[in-house]
Amino acid sequence: QVQLVESGGGLVQAGDSLRLSCTASGRTFSSRAMGWFRQAPGKEREFVAGISWSGNTDYADSVKGRFTISRDNAKNTVSLQMNSLKPEDTAVYYCAGKTGLDVTTGQTSWNYWGQGTQVTVSS
């Protein structure tokens, strides 16, 4: 069983930066793809960014060039650096893990989820 705990959400102004972190339990962290999803009020949960076991990354078009995902296998952590934040980035952000090695964008293929952390960007 893998448990994921997020931290780092908060209230910021448009143009600010924020860093989310996720700590995973379990000994197989390095062999899992990890990712971040988000869900805004009234909308479905959507893929934001993912990183494979080998470090390959993938991003939603809406965050490319602004967000960066990274992982530290020694610490069992995955982070999301969010720059140039916009009001439309406001959502609950979820850390996700999957049993596979590579990133996929569909949420049904992800097996483990954190409790979520709120990110609010004011204009």
Protein backbone atom coordinates (compact mmCIF):
# COMPACT_ATOMS: atom_id res chain seq x y z
CA GLN A 1 0.00 0.00 0.00
CA VAL A 2 1.26 3.48 -0.89
CA GLN A 3 0.25 6.58 1.02
CA LEU A 4 0.73 10.05 -0.43
CA VAL A 5 0.75 13.25 1.62
CA GLU A 6 0.78 16.67 -0.07
CA SER A 7 1.90 19.99 1.33
CA GLY A 8 2.55 23.50 0.12
CA GLY A 9 -0.80 24.81 -1.04
CA GLY A 10 -2.05 28.27 -0.18
CA LEU A 11 -3.37 31.63 -1.32
CA VAL A 12 -1.21 33.66 -3.69
CA GLN A 13 -1.63 36.50 -6.16
CA ALA A 14 -1.50 36.20 -9.92
CA GLY A 15 2.11 36.05 -11.11
CA ASP A 16 3.39 34.54 -7.88
CA SER A 17 5.06 31.17 -7.43
CA LEU A 18 4.20 28.20 -5.24
CA ARG A 19 5.84 24.83 -4.67
CA LEU A 20 3.86 21.72 -3.86
CA SER A 21 5.47 18.65 -2.36
CA CYS A 22 4.30 15.08 -1.98
CA THR A 23 5.87 12.47 0.26
CA ALA A 24 5.19 8.82 -0.48
CA SER A 25 5.42 5.82 1.78
CA GLY A 26 6.59 2.47 0.49
CA ARG A 27 9.80 0.96 -0.80
CA THR A 28 8.91 0.95 -4.49
CA PHE A 29 8.69 4.70 -5.01
CA SER A 30 11.56 4.82 -7.49
CA SER A 31 9.86 2.31 -9.79
CA ARG A 32 6.59 4.24 -10.03
CA ALA A 33 5.49 7.07 -12.22
CA MET A 34 4.28 10.02 -10.14
CA GLY A 35 2.08 12.91 -11.08
CA TRP A 36 -0.11 15.84 -10.16
CA PHE A 37 -3.75 16.35 -11.03
CA ARG A 38 -6.08 19.20 -10.14
CA GLN A 39 -9.79 19.75 -9.78
CA ALA A 40 -11.43 23.14 -9.94
CA PRO A 41 -14.95 23.75 -8.61
CA GLY A 42 -17.55 22.36 -10.98
CA LYS A 43 -14.94 20.72 -13.20
CA GLU A 44 -13.53 17.25 -13.61
CA ARG A 45 -10.14 16.29 -12.26
CA GLU A 46 -7.47 16.90 -14.90
CA PHE A 47 -3.87 15.91 -15.48
CA VAL A 48 -1.31 18.60 -14.73
CA ALA A 49 2.13 16.98 -14.84
CA GLY A 50 3.79 13.60 -14.56
CA ILE A 51 7.27 12.14 -14.19
CA SER A 52 8.29 8.62 -15.07
CA TRP A 53 10.52 6.35 -13.05
CA SER A 54 13.44 7.44 -15.26
CA GLY A 55 12.72 11.15 -15.03
CA ASN A 56 10.84 11.74 -18.27
CA THR A 57 8.22 14.45 -17.82
CA ASP A 58 4.90 15.34 -19.38
CA TYR A 59 2.74 18.42 -18.88
CA ALA A 60 -0.71 19.65 -19.71
CA ASP A 61 -0.61 22.32 -22.40
CA SER A 62 -2.09 24.85 -19.98
CA VAL A 63 0.93 24.67 -17.65
CA LYS A 64 3.83 24.05 -20.05
CA GLY A 65 6.61 26.55 -19.49
CA ARG A 66 5.23 27.58 -16.10
CA PHE A 67 5.20 24.39 -14.02
CA THR A 68 8.05 21.97 -13.38
CA ILE A 69 7.72 18.51 -11.86
CA SER A 70 10.67 16.80 -10.19
CA ARG A 71 11.33 13.81 -7.99
CA ASP A 72 13.85 12.80 -5.34
CA ASN A 73 13.89 9.03 -5.07
CA ALA A 74 16.18 9.10 -2.06
CA LYS A 75 13.56 11.06 -0.13
CA ASN A 76 10.46 9.51 -1.71
CA THR A 77 9.23 12.94 -2.75
CA VAL A 78 7.78 14.51 -5.86
CA SER A 79 7.43 18.26 -6.22
CA LEU A 80 5.60 20.68 -8.46
CA GLN A 81 7.12 24.12 -8.89
CA MET A 82 4.44 26.50 -10.12
CA ASN A 83 5.50 29.87 -11.53
CA SER A 84 3.55 32.70 -13.11
CA LEU A 85 0.38 31.48 -11.49
CA LYS A 86 -2.96 32.52 -12.96
CA PRO A 87 -6.44 32.67 -11.41
CA GLU A 88 -7.42 29.74 -13.63
CA ASP A 89 -4.84 27.60 -11.80
CA THR A 90 -7.06 27.75 -8.73
CA ALA A 91 -7.97 24.18 -7.78
CA VAL A 92 -7.39 21.37 -5.35
CA TYR A 93 -4.13 19.72 -6.40
CA TYR A 94 -3.71 15.98 -5.92
CA CYS A 95 -0.52 13.95 -5.88
CA ALA A 96 -0.89 10.64 -7.69
CA GLY A 97 1.11 7.46 -8.08
CA LYS A 98 0.75 4.45 -10.33
CA THR A 99 2.10 0.96 -10.46
CA GLY A 100 3.45 1.49 -13.98
CA LEU A 101 6.77 3.04 -14.88
CA ASP A 102 5.57 5.63 -17.36
CA VAL A 103 3.27 8.64 -17.28
CA THR A 104 -0.27 8.46 -18.59
CA THR A 105 -2.71 11.35 -18.56
CA GLY A 106 -5.94 9.51 -17.82
CA GLN A 107 -6.75 9.49 -14.13
CA THR A 108 -8.21 5.98 -14.18
CA SER A 109 -4.74 4.52 -14.71
CA TRP A 110 -3.41 6.03 -11.49
CA ASN A 111 -3.70 3.83 -8.44
CA TYR A 112 -2.83 6.01 -5.47
CA TRP A 113 -4.02 9.47 -4.48
CA GLY A 114 -3.23 12.02 -1.82
CA GLN A 115 -5.87 13.93 0.08
CA GLY A 116 -5.36 17.09 -1.97
CA THR A 117 -4.10 20.57 -1.20
CA GLN A 118 -5.88 23.82 -2.07
CA VAL A 119 -4.21 26.35 -4.34
CA THR A 120 -5.99 29.67 -4.73
CA VAL A 121 -4.70 32.37 -7.07
CA SER A 122 -6.27 35.80 -6.74
CA SER A 123 -6.33 38.31 -9.58
